[in-house]
PDB file of N, CA and C in Angstrom:
ATOM      1  N   UNK A   1      49.452  15.518 -61.489  1.00  0.00           N
ATOM      2  CA  UNK A   1      48.543  16.569 -61.768  1.00  0.00           C
ATOM      3  C   UNK A   1      47.391  16.024 -61.536  1.00  0.00           C
ATOM      4  N   UNK A   2      46.656  16.058 -60.761  1.00  0.00           N
ATOM      5  CA  UNK A   2      45.266  16.504 -60.573  1.00  0.00           C
ATOM      6  C   UNK A   2      44.238  16.322 -62.160  1.00  0.00           C
ATOM      7  N   UNK A   3      43.378  14.539 -61.720  1.00  0.00           N
ATOM      8  CA  UNK A   3      42.863  14.480 -63.054  1.00  0.00           C
ATOM      9  C   UNK A   3      41.739  15.381 -63.553  1.00  0.00           C
ATOM     10  N   UNK A   4      40.869  16.274 -64.273  1.00  0.00           N
ATOM     11  CA  UNK A   4      40.321  17.255 -64.646  1.00  0.00           C
ATOM     12  C   UNK A   4      38.980  16.367 -65.420  1.00  0.00           C
ATOM     13  N   UNK A   5      38.170  15.815 -65.309  1.00  0.00           N
ATOM     14  CA  UNK A   5      36.768  15.046 -66.268  1.00  0.00           C
ATOM     15  C   UNK A   5      36.224  16.204 -66.764  1.00  0.00           C
ATOM     16  N   UNK A   6      36.064  15.956 -67.839  1.00  0.00           N
ATOM     17  CA  UNK A   6      35.430  16.475 -68.885  1.00  0.00           C
ATOM     18  C   UNK A   6      35.649  17.918 -69.538  1.00  0.00           C
ATOM     19  N   UNK A   7      36.782  18.073 -69.071  1.00  0.00           N
ATOM     20  CA  UNK A   7      37.560  19.297 -69.328  1.00  0.00           C
ATOM     21  C   UNK A   7      38.786  19.566 -70.321  1.00  0.00           C
ATOM     22  N   UNK A   8      37.908  20.148 -71.472  1.00  0.00           N
ATOM     23  CA  UNK A   8      39.363  19.716 -72.189  1.00  0.00           C
ATOM     24  C   UNK A   8      40.159  21.285 -73.390  1.00  0.00           C
ATOM     25  N   UNK A   9      40.409  21.749 -71.919  1.00  0.00           N
ATOM     26  CA  UNK A   9      41.043  23.660 -72.242  1.00  0.00           C
ATOM     27  C   UNK A   9      43.051  22.885 -72.052  1.00  0.00           C
ATOM     28  N   UNK A  10      43.154  24.423 -71.691  1.00  0.00           N
ATOM     29  CA  UNK A  10      44.528  24.393 -71.539  1.00  0.00           C
ATOM     30  C   UNK A  10      44.959  23.399 -70.177  1.00  0.00           C
ATOM     31  N   UNK A  11      45.627  23.119 -69.773  1.00  0.00           N
ATOM     32  CA  UNK A  11      46.728  22.874 -69.290  1.00  0.00           C
ATOM     33  C   UNK A  11      46.828  23.511 -67.490  1.00  0.00           C
ATOM     34  N   UNK A  12      46.621  23.442 -66.218  1.00  0.00           N
ATOM     35  CA  UNK A  12      46.461  24.042 -65.535  1.00  0.00           C
ATOM     36  C   UNK A  12      48.255  24.340 -64.915  1.00  0.00           C
ATOM     37  N   UNK A  13      48.305  25.694 -64.055  1.00  0.00           N
ATOM     38  CA  UNK A  13      49.545  25.652 -63.809  1.00  0.00           C
ATOM     39  C   UNK A  13      49.265  25.075 -62.839  1.00  0.00           C
ATOM     40  N   UNK A  14      48.612  25.083 -61.963  1.00  0.00           N
ATOM     41  CA  UNK A  14      48.393  24.148 -60.398  1.00  0.00           C
ATOM     42  C   UNK A  14      47.089  24.440 -60.017  1.00  0.00           C
ATOM     43  N   UNK A  15      47.070  23.016 -58.986  1.00  0.00           N
ATOM     44  CA  UNK A  15      44.878  22.714 -58.471  1.00  0.00           C
ATOM     45  C   UNK A  15      45.391  23.525 -56.769  1.00  0.00           C
ATOM     46  N   UNK A  16      44.818  24.049 -56.799  1.00  0.00           N
ATOM     47  CA  UNK A  16      44.765  24.429 -54.573  1.00  0.00           C
ATOM     48  C   UNK A  16      43.570  23.858 -54.834  1.00  0.00           C
ATOM     49  N   UNK A  17      44.322  22.777 -52.956  1.00  0.00           N
ATOM     50  CA  UNK A  17      43.199  22.181 -52.747  1.00  0.00           C
ATOM     51  C   UNK A  17      43.291  22.995 -51.236  1.00  0.00           C
ATOM     52  N   UNK A  18      42.068  23.466 -51.097  1.00  0.00           N
ATOM     53  CA  UNK A  18      41.882  24.071 -50.110  1.00  0.00           C
ATOM     54  C   UNK A  18      41.470  23.348 -48.361  1.00  0.00           C
ATOM     55  N   UNK A  19      41.710  23.608 -47.509  1.00  0.00           N
ATOM     56  CA  UNK A  19      41.763  22.829 -46.272  1.00  0.00           C
ATOM     57  C   UNK A  19      40.834  23.201 -45.022  1.00  0.00           C
ATOM     58  N   UNK A  20      39.998  22.165 -44.443  1.00  0.00           N
ATOM     59  CA  UNK A  20      39.467  23.308 -43.509  1.00  0.00           C
ATOM     60  C   UNK A  20      39.006  21.525 -42.779  1.00  0.00           C
ATOM     61  N   UNK A  21      39.955  22.489 -41.590  1.00  0.00           N
ATOM     62  CA  UNK A  21      39.360  20.519 -40.186  1.00  0.00           C
ATOM     63  C   UNK A  21      40.042  19.571 -40.958  1.00  0.00           C
ATOM     64  N   UNK A  22      40.813  19.771 -41.344  1.00  0.00           N
ATOM     65  CA  UNK A  22      41.378  17.817 -42.169  1.00  0.00           C
ATOM     66  C   UNK A  22      40.997  18.040 -42.991  1.00  0.00           C
ATOM     67  N   UNK A  23      39.513  18.238 -44.151  1.00  0.00           N
ATOM     68  CA  UNK A  23      39.004  18.100 -44.969  1.00  0.00           C
ATOM     69  C   UNK A  23      39.062  18.945 -46.521  1.00  0.00           C
ATOM     70  N   UNK A  24      39.427  18.305 -47.191  1.00  0.00           N
ATOM     71  CA  UNK A  24      38.859  18.916 -48.252  1.00  0.00           C
ATOM     72  C   UNK A  24      38.455  19.823 -48.412  1.00  0.00           C
ATOM     73  N   UNK A  25      37.402  21.084 -48.451  1.00  0.00           N
ATOM     74  CA  UNK A  25      36.481  21.755 -49.193  1.00  0.00           C
ATOM     75  C   UNK A  25      36.223  22.234 -50.563  1.00  0.00           C
ATOM     76  N   UNK A  26      36.951  22.775 -51.305  1.00  0.00           N
ATOM     77  CA  UNK A  26      36.824  23.070 -51.894  1.00  0.00           C
ATOM     78  C   UNK A  26      37.993  22.637 -52.861  1.00  0.00           C
ATOM     79  N   UNK A  27      38.481  23.940 -54.517  1.00  0.00           N
ATOM     80  CA  UNK A  27      39.624  23.582 -55.421  1.00  0.00           C
ATOM     81  C   UNK A  27      39.961  24.516 -55.812  1.00  0.00           C
ATOM     82  N   UNK A  28      40.732  25.232 -56.300  1.00  0.00           N
ATOM     83  CA  UNK A  28      40.858  26.183 -57.361  1.00  0.00           C
ATOM     84  C   UNK A  28      42.020  26.489 -58.746  1.00  0.00           C
ATOM     85  N   UNK A  29      41.811  26.567 -59.441  1.00  0.00           N
ATOM     86  CA  UNK A  29      42.171  25.712 -60.697  1.00  0.00           C
ATOM     87  C   UNK A  29      43.125  27.082 -61.431  1.00  0.00           C
ATOM     88  N   UNK A  30      44.454  26.989 -61.334  1.00  0.00           N
ATOM     89  CA  UNK A  30      44.962  28.676 -61.254  1.00  0.00           C
ATOM     90  C   UNK A  30      46.380  28.335 -63.050  1.00  0.00           C
ATOM     91  N   UNK A  31      45.941  28.689 -63.591  1.00  0.00           N
ATOM     92  CA  UNK A  31      46.474  28.774 -65.094  1.00  0.00           C
ATOM     93  C   UNK A  31      48.005  29.429 -65.047  1.00  0.00           C
ATOM     94  N   UNK A  32      48.060  30.321 -64.301  1.00  0.00           N
ATOM     95  CA  UNK A  32      49.610  31.615 -64.515  1.00  0.00           C
ATOM     96  C   UNK A  32      50.350  31.265 -63.118  1.00  0.00           C
ATOM     97  N   UNK A  33      51.629  31.043 -62.304  1.00  0.00           N
ATOM     98  CA  UNK A  33      52.261  31.394 -61.682  1.00  0.00           C
ATOM     99  C   UNK A  33      51.311  32.898 -60.627  1.00  0.00           C
ATOM    100  N   UNK A  34      51.204  33.313 -61.583  1.00  0.00           N
ATOM    101  CA  UNK A  34      50.695  34.612 -61.097  1.00  0.00           C
ATOM    102  C   UNK A  34      48.733  34.868 -60.229  1.00  0.00           C
ATOM    103  N   UNK A  35      48.082  33.903 -61.247  1.00  0.00           N
ATOM    104  CA  UNK A  35      47.239  32.822 -60.141  1.00  0.00           C
ATOM    105  C   UNK A  35      47.667  32.732 -58.784  1.00  0.00           C
ATOM    106  N   UNK A  36      48.155  31.746 -59.092  1.00  0.00           N
ATOM    107  CA  UNK A  36      48.681  31.066 -58.220  1.00  0.00           C
ATOM    108  C   UNK A  36      48.823  31.670 -56.833  1.00  0.00           C
ATOM    109  N   UNK A  37      49.460  32.666 -57.328  1.00  0.00           N
ATOM    110  CA  UNK A  37      50.424  33.763 -56.351  1.00  0.00           C
ATOM    111  C   UNK A  37      49.363  34.207 -55.433  1.00  0.00           C
ATOM    112  N   UNK A  38      48.566  35.352 -55.988  1.00  0.00           N
ATOM    113  CA  UNK A  38      47.205  35.600 -55.876  1.00  0.00           C
ATOM    114  C   UNK A  38      45.792  34.578 -54.809  1.00  0.00           C
ATOM    115  N   UNK A  39      46.083  33.758 -55.676  1.00  0.00           N
ATOM    116  CA  UNK A  39      44.957  32.685 -54.767  1.00  0.00           C
ATOM    117  C   UNK A  39      45.382  32.292 -53.598  1.00  0.00           C
ATOM    118  N   UNK A  40      46.578  32.115 -53.054  1.00  0.00           N
ATOM    119  CA  UNK A  40      47.408  32.246 -52.035  1.00  0.00           C
ATOM    120  C   UNK A  40      47.714  33.419 -50.968  1.00  0.00           C
ATOM    121  N   UNK A  41      48.015  34.715 -51.727  1.00  0.00           N
ATOM    122  CA  UNK A  41      47.349  35.153 -50.917  1.00  0.00           C
ATOM    123  C   UNK A  41      46.574  35.403 -49.981  1.00  0.00           C
ATOM    124  N   UNK A  42      44.950  35.243 -50.549  1.00  0.00           N
ATOM    125  CA  UNK A  42      44.022  35.291 -49.954  1.00  0.00           C
ATOM    126  C   UNK A  42      43.908  34.415 -48.971  1.00  0.00           C
ATOM    127  N   UNK A  43      44.678  33.194 -48.531  1.00  0.00           N
ATOM    128  CA  UNK A  43      44.577  32.188 -47.385  1.00  0.00           C
ATOM    129  C   UNK A  43      44.812  33.160 -45.825  1.00  0.00           C
ATOM    130  N   UNK A  44      45.866  34.157 -46.284  1.00  0.00           N
ATOM    131  CA  UNK A  44      46.784  34.627 -45.415  1.00  0.00           C
ATOM    132  C   UNK A  44      45.968  36.097 -45.124  1.00  0.00           C
ATOM    133  N   UNK A  45      44.618  36.938 -45.581  1.00  0.00           N
ATOM    134  CA  UNK A  45      44.276  37.982 -46.195  1.00  0.00           C
ATOM    135  C   UNK A  45      43.044  37.763 -44.944  1.00  0.00           C
ATOM    136  N   UNK A  46      43.359  38.529 -43.506  1.00  0.00           N
ATOM    137  CA  UNK A  46      42.098  39.201 -43.006  1.00  0.00           C
ATOM    138  C   UNK A  46      40.924  39.305 -43.342  1.00  0.00           C
ATOM    139  N   UNK A  47      39.642  38.353 -43.030  1.00  0.00           N
ATOM    140  CA  UNK A  47      38.717  38.438 -43.738  1.00  0.00           C
ATOM    141  C   UNK A  47      38.087  38.541 -45.442  1.00  0.00           C
ATOM    142  N   UNK A  48      39.151  37.839 -45.942  1.00  0.00           N
ATOM    143  CA  UNK A  48      38.673  37.120 -47.206  1.00  0.00           C
ATOM    144  C   UNK A  48      38.357  35.337 -46.900  1.00  0.00           C
ATOM    145  N   UNK A  49      36.998  35.231 -47.396  1.00  0.00           N
ATOM    146  CA  UNK A  49      37.118  34.395 -48.131  1.00  0.00           C
ATOM    147  C   UNK A  49      37.467  32.704 -47.687  1.00  0.00           C
ATOM    148  N   UNK A  50      38.340  32.979 -48.535  1.00  0.00           N
ATOM    149  CA  UNK A  50      40.189  31.743 -48.204  1.00  0.00           C
ATOM    150  C   UNK A  50      40.517  32.070 -46.643  1.00  0.00           C
ATOM    151  N   UNK A  51      39.926  32.937 -45.981  1.00  0.00           N
ATOM    152  CA  UNK A  51      40.762  33.192 -44.921  1.00  0.00           C
ATOM    153  C   UNK A  51      40.564  31.814 -43.841  1.00  0.00           C
ATOM    154  N   UNK A  52      38.974  31.913 -43.819  1.00  0.00           N
ATOM    155  CA  UNK A  52      38.428  30.815 -43.184  1.00  0.00           C
ATOM    156  C   UNK A  52      39.488  29.051 -43.420  1.00  0.00           C
ATOM    157  N   UNK A  53      40.375  28.548 -44.448  1.00  0.00           N
ATOM    158  CA  UNK A  53      40.623  27.868 -44.409  1.00  0.00           C
ATOM    159  C   UNK A  53      41.988  27.595 -43.623  1.00  0.00           C
ATOM    160  N   UNK A  54      42.090  26.096 -42.882  1.00  0.00           N
ATOM    161  CA  UNK A  54      43.531  26.032 -42.533  1.00  0.00           C
ATOM    162  C   UNK A  54      44.906  25.772 -43.595  1.00  0.00           C
ATOM    163  N   UNK A  55      44.690  25.392 -44.370  1.00  0.00           N
ATOM    164  CA  UNK A  55      45.243  25.363 -45.137  1.00  0.00           C
ATOM    165  C   UNK A  55      45.077  25.224 -46.895  1.00  0.00           C
ATOM    166  N   UNK A  56      46.233  24.933 -47.363  1.00  0.00           N
ATOM    167  CA  UNK A  56      45.876  24.846 -49.312  1.00  0.00           C
ATOM    168  C   UNK A  56      47.134  24.271 -49.080  1.00  0.00           C
ATOM    169  N   UNK A  57      46.466  22.832 -50.180  1.00  0.00           N
ATOM    170  CA  UNK A  57      47.675  22.059 -51.007  1.00  0.00           C
ATOM    171  C   UNK A  57      47.926  22.469 -52.226  1.00  0.00           C
ATOM    172  N   UNK A  58      49.157  22.975 -52.592  1.00  0.00           N
ATOM    173  CA  UNK A  58      49.070  23.443 -53.966  1.00  0.00           C
ATOM    174  C   UNK A  58      49.661  22.292 -55.165  1.00  0.00           C
ATOM    175  N   UNK A  59      49.034  21.659 -55.985  1.00  0.00           N
ATOM    176  CA  UNK A  59      49.516  20.303 -57.209  1.00  0.00           C
ATOM    177  C   UNK A  59      50.020  21.155 -57.929  1.00  0.00           C
ATOM    178  N   UNK A  60      50.904  20.712 -58.573  1.00  0.00           N
ATOM    179  CA  UNK A  60      51.765  21.035 -59.727  1.00  0.00           C
ATOM    180  C   UNK A  60      52.215  20.064 -60.555  1.00  0.00           C
ATOM    181  N   UNK A  61      52.600  19.592 -61.467  1.00  0.00           N
ATOM    182  CA  UNK A  61      52.710  18.500 -62.614  1.00  0.00           C
ATOM    183  C   UNK A  61      53.301  17.029 -61.520  1.00  0.00           C
ATOM    184  N   UNK A  62      54.550  17.567 -60.768  1.00  0.00           N
ATOM    185  CA  UNK A  62      54.419  16.266 -60.071  1.00  0.00           C
ATOM    186  C   UNK A  62      54.750  16.211 -58.418  1.00  0.00           C
ATOM    187  N   UNK A  63      54.477  17.378 -58.417  1.00  0.00           N
ATOM    188  CA  UNK A  63      54.845  18.153 -56.647  1.00  0.00           C
ATOM    189  C   UNK A  63      54.149  19.295 -56.597  1.00  0.00           C
ATOM    190  N   UNK A  64      54.035  18.412 -54.786  1.00  0.00           N
ATOM    191  CA  UNK A  64      53.103  19.278 -53.977  1.00  0.00           C
ATOM    192  C   UNK A  64      53.244  19.698 -53.009  1.00  0.00           C
ATOM    193  N   UNK A  65      52.785  21.012 -52.547  1.00  0.00           N
ATOM    194  CA  UNK A  65      53.422  22.415 -51.532  1.00  0.00           C
ATOM    195  C   UNK A  65      52.663  22.330 -50.701  1.00  0.00           C
ATOM    196  N   UNK A  66      52.433  22.429 -49.282  1.00  0.00           N
ATOM    197  CA  UNK A  66      51.734  23.120 -48.372  1.00  0.00           C
ATOM    198  C   UNK A  66      51.873  23.984 -47.538  1.00  0.00           C
ATOM    199  N   UNK A  67      50.873  24.927 -47.751  1.00  0.00           N
ATOM    200  CA  UNK A  67      50.810  25.475 -47.056  1.00  0.00           C
ATOM    201  C   UNK A  67      49.558  26.587 -46.069  1.00  0.00           C
ATOM    202  N   UNK A  68      50.492  26.471 -44.703  1.00  0.00           N
ATOM    203  CA  UNK A  68      49.187  26.629 -43.488  1.00  0.00           C
ATOM    204  C   UNK A  68      49.479  28.457 -43.293  1.00  0.00           C
ATOM    205  N   UNK A  69      48.595  28.345 -42.457  1.00  0.00           N
ATOM    206  CA  UNK A  69      48.719  30.095 -41.992  1.00  0.00           C
ATOM    207  C   UNK A  69      49.094  29.768 -40.779  1.00  0.00           C
ATOM    208  N   UNK A  70      49.496  30.763 -39.909  1.00  0.00           N
ATOM    209  CA  UNK A  70      50.447  30.626 -38.830  1.00  0.00           C
ATOM    210  C   UNK A  70      49.419  30.765 -37.943  1.00  0.00           C
ATOM    211  N   UNK A  71      49.887  29.676 -37.052  1.00  0.00           N
ATOM    212  CA  UNK A  71      48.922  29.203 -35.365  1.00  0.00           C
ATOM    213  C   UNK A  71      48.969  31.275 -34.941  1.00  0.00           C
ATOM    214  N   UNK A  72      47.741  31.563 -34.240  1.00  0.00           N
ATOM    215  CA  UNK A  72      47.934  32.423 -33.154  1.00  0.00           C
ATOM    216  C   UNK A  72      47.722  32.086 -32.003  1.00  0.00           C
ATOM    217  N   UNK A  73      48.671  31.862 -31.181  1.00  0.00           N
ATOM    218  CA  UNK A  73      48.602  31.432 -29.836  1.00  0.00           C
ATOM    219  C   UNK A  73      47.797  31.985 -28.875  1.00  0.00           C
ATOM    220  N   UNK A  74      47.024  31.219 -27.942  1.00  0.00           N
ATOM    221  CA  UNK A  74      45.497  32.045 -27.522  1.00  0.00           C
ATOM    222  C   UNK A  74      44.616  31.518 -28.247  1.00  0.00           C
ATOM    223  N   UNK A  75      44.283  31.417 -29.051  1.00  0.00           N
ATOM    224  CA  UNK A  75      43.309  31.051 -30.637  1.00  0.00           C
ATOM    225  C   UNK A  75      42.333  30.015 -30.286  1.00  0.00           C
TER     226      UNK A  75
END
């Protein structure tokens, strides 16, 4: 799990790392599966701030999951 320095609250369910052009640009801390699902939906929602990212890397306890937007042919 990603270490959260200076944070003494509840353990996160997941941390989402947002990737743009191969670089980490932001992260989102999720405290439930519902929060994670809601955040990932934003990656796939046109016009949403998070739709500009290429990929979301979801980090849970000992698991890493990658979610990428579908490539648009000719885009």
